[in-house]
Protein backbone atom coordinates (compact mmCIF):
# COMPACT_ATOMS: atom_id res chain seq x y z
CA MET A 1 -2.87 12.51 -6.11
CA LEU A 2 -0.89 9.27 -5.45
CA ILE A 3 -1.91 6.60 -2.99
CA TYR A 4 0.59 3.73 -1.16
CA LYS A 5 0.15 -0.08 -0.63
CA ILE A 6 3.05 -1.64 1.17
CA PHE A 7 3.96 -4.93 0.56
CA ARG A 8 6.29 -7.94 1.73
CA ALA A 9 8.18 -9.18 -0.68
CA ASP A 10 6.31 -12.10 -1.34
CA GLU A 11 3.23 -9.99 -1.92
CA TRP A 12 4.87 -7.85 -3.91
CA ALA A 13 6.80 -11.02 -5.96
CA ALA A 14 2.82 -12.81 -6.57
CA PHE A 15 1.04 -9.25 -7.64
CA ASP A 16 4.25 -8.75 -10.15
CA SER A 17 4.31 -12.01 -11.93
CA GLN A 18 0.26 -12.84 -11.66
CA GLY A 19 -0.49 -9.08 -12.65
CA GLU A 20 -3.23 -8.23 -10.08
CA THR A 21 -3.94 -9.13 -6.66
CA LEU A 22 -6.85 -8.92 -3.95
CA GLY A 23 -3.91 -7.88 -1.24
CA ALA A 24 -2.45 -9.16 1.31
CA ALA A 25 -3.96 -11.61 4.12
CA ILE A 26 -5.45 -8.57 5.87
CA ASP A 27 -7.27 -7.01 2.64
CA LEU A 28 -8.57 -11.03 1.90
CA SER A 29 -10.36 -10.43 5.80
CA ASP A 30 -11.62 -7.25 5.77
CA GLY A 31 -13.04 -7.58 1.95
CA PHE A 32 -10.84 -4.58 0.47
CA ILE A 33 -7.42 -3.74 -0.22
CA HIS A 34 -5.89 -0.76 2.39
CA PHE A 35 -4.47 2.19 1.32
CA SER A 36 -2.35 5.00 3.00
CA THR A 37 -1.91 9.07 1.33
CA ALA A 38 1.21 10.00 2.06
CA GLU A 39 1.08 11.46 5.41
CA GLN A 40 -0.57 8.15 6.39
CA ALA A 41 1.79 5.64 5.18
CA ALA A 42 5.09 6.08 7.67
CA GLU A 43 2.63 5.23 10.62
CA THR A 44 1.05 2.48 8.82
CA ALA A 45 4.58 1.19 8.45
CA ALA A 46 5.35 1.38 11.96
CA LYS A 47 2.11 0.27 13.35
CA HIS A 48 1.46 -2.81 10.75
CA PHE A 49 5.54 -3.39 9.47
CA ALA A 50 7.22 -2.52 12.95
CA GLY A 51 10.72 -4.48 12.28
CA ALA A 52 9.60 -6.14 9.13
CA GLN A 53 12.04 -6.02 6.19
CA GLY A 54 11.65 -6.83 2.51
CA LEU A 55 9.11 -4.50 2.72
CA MET A 56 8.14 -3.09 -0.76
CA LEU A 57 6.20 0.27 -1.16
CA LEU A 58 3.75 0.80 -4.69
CA ALA A 59 2.07 3.96 -5.57
CA PHE A 60 -1.19 4.24 -7.32
CA GLU A 61 -3.05 6.94 -8.60
CA THR A 62 -6.10 7.84 -7.12
CA ASP A 63 -7.71 8.82 -10.66
CA ARG A 64 -6.69 5.19 -12.42
CA LEU A 65 -8.34 3.45 -9.75
CA GLY A 66 -11.69 4.69 -10.27
CA GLU A 67 -15.35 4.45 -8.44
CA ALA A 68 -14.32 0.91 -6.88
CA LEU A 69 -11.94 3.55 -4.42
CA GLU A 70 -13.51 4.88 -1.67
CA TRP A 71 -12.18 6.69 2.00
CA GLU A 72 -13.44 5.68 4.36
CA VAL A 73 -12.82 6.23 8.28
CA SER A 74 -10.28 4.67 10.31
CA ARG A 75 -7.89 5.18 13.15
CA GLY A 76 -7.81 8.65 14.15
CA ASP A 77 -11.18 9.26 12.44
CA ALA A 78 -8.64 10.04 9.36
CA LEU A 79 -10.15 9.09 5.74
CA PHE A 80 -7.86 6.10 4.54
CA PRO A 81 -8.59 4.63 0.51
CA HIS A 82 -9.81 1.43 0.34
CA LEU A 83 -10.25 -0.59 -2.66
CA TYR A 84 -13.25 -2.57 -3.54
CA ARG A 85 -11.67 -4.74 -6.42
CA ALA A 86 -8.91 -6.41 -7.63
CA LEU A 87 -5.48 -4.29 -7.95
CA LYS A 88 -3.80 -4.54 -11.58
CA ARG A 89 -0.24 -4.47 -11.85
CA SER A 90 -0.93 -2.11 -14.90
CA GLU A 91 -2.06 1.07 -12.54
CA LEU A 92 1.31 0.85 -10.81
CA ILE A 93 2.69 3.78 -11.03
CA TRP A 94 6.18 3.02 -9.47
CA VAL A 95 7.87 0.76 -6.87
CA GLU A 96 10.52 1.23 -4.13
CA PRO A 97 12.25 -1.05 -1.93
CA LEU A 98 11.27 0.43 1.65
CA PRO A 99 14.65 -0.86 4.24
CA LEU A 100 14.77 -1.07 7.36
CA VAL A 101 17.39 1.73 8.80
CA ARG A 102 17.62 1.76 12.73
CA GLY A 103 14.59 0.06 13.50
CA VAL A 104 12.73 2.65 10.73
CA HIS A 105 11.41 2.25 7.59
CA ARG A 106 13.11 4.71 5.33
CA PHE A 107 10.95 5.74 2.49
CA PRO A 108 12.16 6.72 -0.69
CA ALA A 109 13.22 10.64 -2.11
CA LYS A 110 10.77 10.21 -4.77
CA PHE A 111 7.80 9.65 -2.01
CA GLU A 112 5.62 12.76 -1.37
């Protein structure tokens, strides 16, 4: 199963060049890396990245993230995937731009 992480351009650039990340500021504050399922990603983009340009959508396979990936109740009592360790660039399945079109983020065709 694929899960998704949205990064701002500078966060993606740092992750890409350094080879691993502990996530964005919210992830560092919360002590884990926030992910979304395909069903949750659009709401995540709208709620946490409204109006933001230059975003990147990163896809990761849950099986490759191991036991540090936990599913926890969050907004609307839905289970959200959270990673309790550094995320490695080598675990990335794909990355695509997440452009803002008429105020809404447009997800790529390959998005599940």
